[in-house]
Amino acid sequence: RFSYYGMRAVLVLYFRYFLKWDDDLSTSIYHTFIALCYLTPILGAIVADSWLGKFKTIVYLSIVYTVGQVVMAVIHLLAMSMVGLFLIALGTGGIKPCVAAFGGDQFEDHQEKQRSTFFSIFYLSINAGSLLSTVITPILRGTRYMTIVMPV
């Protein structure tokens, strides 16, 4: 979640100042990306329940997500940026319905207390990662090192 929310926090800035897209295109692509991230969990659930199972779906779509992040970081062309964003949306959304369910599956029926503790820590970690990345990524973007690597 840290990676996803961190990227999301600076995505429009990346579009505007690095790829030199105008405001309308940047905003449209951003909102389309977010919509895909919230639609792809349906696909992830279908794939996990019908074909691959939760574990393989998590592994394969995590790889898809990572490839999308690499594409976004390395290749700065319009078409490849769209491919990278699509892969990220597919990966992040696709694993969303599987991760919590897979975690819950690790406990027997008599381990209700441990399962409850797991979900408390799991959701705390997800939300802490989201919060920290939303705060830290823009700060990192403004540091001297990031300005050298990715000029604005």
Protein backbone atom coordinates (compact mmCIF):
# COMPACT_ATOMS: atom_id res chain seq x y z
CA ARG A 1 0.00 0.00 0.00
CA PHE A 2 2.91 2.33 0.69
CA SER A 3 4.02 2.14 -2.93
CA TYR A 4 0.52 2.58 -4.35
CA TYR A 5 -0.53 5.54 -2.20
CA GLY A 6 2.90 7.13 -2.47
CA MET A 7 2.72 7.02 -6.25
CA ARG A 8 -0.86 8.23 -6.20
CA ALA A 9 0.12 11.24 -4.09
CA VAL A 10 2.44 12.60 -6.79
CA LEU A 11 0.94 11.08 -9.94
CA VAL A 12 -0.66 14.23 -11.34
CA LEU A 13 2.57 16.15 -10.66
CA TYR A 14 4.45 13.47 -12.58
CA PHE A 15 2.03 13.82 -15.48
CA ARG A 16 2.14 17.62 -15.50
CA TYR A 17 5.80 18.38 -14.91
CA PHE A 18 7.69 15.33 -16.06
CA LEU A 19 5.59 14.05 -18.97
CA LYS A 20 4.42 17.62 -19.78
CA TRP A 21 0.75 16.68 -20.10
CA ASP A 22 -1.87 19.42 -19.79
CA ASP A 23 -4.23 19.70 -16.81
CA ASP A 24 -7.20 18.10 -18.56
CA LEU A 25 -5.30 15.03 -19.77
CA SER A 26 -3.52 14.62 -16.41
CA THR A 27 -6.78 14.80 -14.48
CA SER A 28 -8.62 12.47 -16.87
CA ILE A 29 -5.89 9.83 -16.80
CA TYR A 30 -5.60 10.09 -13.01
CA HIS A 31 -9.32 9.56 -12.44
CA THR A 32 -9.49 6.74 -14.99
CA PHE A 33 -6.59 5.06 -13.20
CA ILE A 34 -8.30 5.38 -9.81
CA ALA A 35 -11.55 4.00 -11.25
CA LEU A 36 -9.68 1.00 -12.68
CA CYS A 37 -8.06 0.39 -9.29
CA TYR A 38 -11.51 0.11 -7.76
CA LEU A 39 -13.02 -1.97 -10.59
CA THR A 40 -10.26 -4.57 -10.92
CA PRO A 41 -10.96 -6.23 -7.54
CA ILE A 42 -13.98 -7.80 -9.24
CA LEU A 43 -11.65 -9.38 -11.79
CA GLY A 44 -9.22 -10.45 -9.07
CA ALA A 45 -12.00 -12.15 -7.12
CA ILE A 46 -13.24 -14.00 -10.20
CA VAL A 47 -9.73 -15.17 -11.13
CA ALA A 48 -8.98 -16.29 -7.56
CA ASP A 49 -12.30 -18.06 -7.01
CA SER A 50 -12.60 -19.66 -10.45
CA TRP A 51 -9.08 -20.52 -11.57
CA LEU A 52 -5.95 -19.74 -9.63
CA GLY A 53 -6.87 -19.60 -5.97
CA LYS A 54 -5.97 -16.76 -3.62
CA PHE A 55 -2.26 -17.47 -3.22
CA LYS A 56 -1.39 -17.75 -6.92
CA THR A 57 -3.56 -14.73 -7.72
CA ILE A 58 -1.68 -12.69 -5.11
CA VAL A 59 1.72 -13.84 -6.42
CA TYR A 60 0.98 -13.35 -10.12
CA LEU A 61 -0.77 -10.02 -9.75
CA SER A 62 1.95 -8.76 -7.41
CA ILE A 63 4.39 -9.45 -10.23
CA VAL A 64 2.09 -7.60 -12.65
CA TYR A 65 1.98 -4.68 -10.20
CA THR A 66 5.78 -4.62 -9.88
CA VAL A 67 6.22 -4.66 -13.66
CA GLY A 68 3.81 -1.71 -13.88
CA GLN A 69 5.83 0.24 -11.30
CA VAL A 70 9.06 -0.49 -13.20
CA VAL A 71 7.50 0.60 -16.49
CA MET A 72 6.33 3.87 -14.90
CA ALA A 73 9.76 4.48 -13.36
CA VAL A 74 11.89 3.65 -16.39
CA ILE A 75 9.97 4.43 -19.58
CA HIS A 76 8.63 7.95 -20.04
CA LEU A 77 6.51 7.59 -23.16
CA LEU A 78 2.75 8.19 -23.31
CA ALA A 79 1.85 4.69 -24.48
CA MET A 80 4.13 2.98 -21.99
CA SER A 81 2.89 5.19 -19.16
CA MET A 82 -0.63 4.01 -19.96
CA VAL A 83 0.54 0.39 -19.99
CA GLY A 84 2.32 0.91 -16.66
CA LEU A 85 -0.75 2.49 -15.07
CA PHE A 86 -2.98 -0.29 -16.37
CA LEU A 87 -0.65 -2.95 -14.95
CA ILE A 88 -0.56 -1.17 -11.59
CA ALA A 89 -4.35 -0.89 -11.51
CA LEU A 90 -4.73 -4.56 -12.44
CA GLY A 91 -2.18 -5.65 -9.85
CA THR A 92 -3.32 -3.50 -6.94
CA GLY A 93 -7.00 -4.08 -7.54
CA GLY A 94 -6.61 -7.73 -8.40
CA ILE A 95 -4.99 -8.68 -5.11
CA LYS A 96 -7.29 -6.51 -2.99
CA PRO A 97 -10.04 -9.14 -2.48
CA CYS A 98 -7.50 -11.93 -1.98
CA VAL A 99 -5.03 -10.68 0.61
CA ALA A 100 -7.34 -10.33 3.61
CA ALA A 101 -9.20 -13.54 2.75
CA PHE A 102 -5.92 -15.43 2.34
CA GLY A 103 -4.74 -14.13 5.72
CA GLY A 104 -7.97 -15.20 7.37
CA ASP A 105 -7.67 -18.66 5.82
CA GLN A 106 -4.47 -19.27 7.78
CA PHE A 107 -6.40 -19.72 11.02
CA GLU A 108 -8.48 -22.65 12.24
CA ASP A 109 -12.00 -22.12 13.60
CA HIS A 110 -10.78 -22.39 17.20
CA GLN A 111 -8.19 -19.60 16.66
CA GLU A 112 -10.72 -16.78 16.72
CA LYS A 113 -8.60 -14.56 19.00
CA GLN A 114 -5.51 -14.92 16.79
CA ARG A 115 -7.59 -14.25 13.67
CA SER A 116 -9.02 -11.12 15.26
CA THR A 117 -5.52 -9.95 16.25
CA PHE A 118 -4.28 -10.64 12.72
CA PHE A 119 -7.00 -8.51 11.13
CA SER A 120 -6.42 -5.68 13.60
CA ILE A 121 -2.70 -5.61 12.80
CA PHE A 122 -3.34 -6.18 9.08
CA TYR A 123 -5.67 -3.20 8.70
CA LEU A 124 -3.54 -1.05 10.99
CA SER A 125 -0.54 -1.78 8.75
CA ILE A 126 -2.45 -1.03 5.56
CA ASN A 127 -3.78 2.27 6.87
CA ALA A 128 -0.46 3.27 8.45
CA GLY A 129 1.31 2.54 5.15
CA SER A 130 -1.25 4.58 3.25
CA LEU A 131 -0.96 7.50 5.64
CA LEU A 132 2.83 7.47 5.80
CA SER A 133 3.27 7.18 2.05
CA THR A 134 0.86 10.03 1.39
CA VAL A 135 2.92 12.22 3.72
CA ILE A 136 6.45 10.96 3.01
CA THR A 137 6.40 10.65 -0.79
CA PRO A 138 5.73 14.35 -1.47
CA ILE A 139 8.46 15.22 1.03
CA LEU A 140 10.90 12.88 -0.74
CA ARG A 141 9.90 14.43 -4.05
CA GLY A 142 11.00 17.81 -2.73
CA THR A 143 14.42 16.66 -1.51
CA ARG A 144 17.58 17.59 -3.34
CA TYR A 145 18.31 13.97 -4.28
CA MET A 146 14.95 13.47 -5.97
CA THR A 147 15.34 16.76 -7.83
CA ILE A 148 18.63 15.52 -9.27
CA VAL A 149 17.15 12.17 -10.31
CA MET A 150 13.82 13.51 -11.56
CA PRO A 151 14.05 17.21 -12.44
CA VAL A 152 10.91 19.30 -12.12
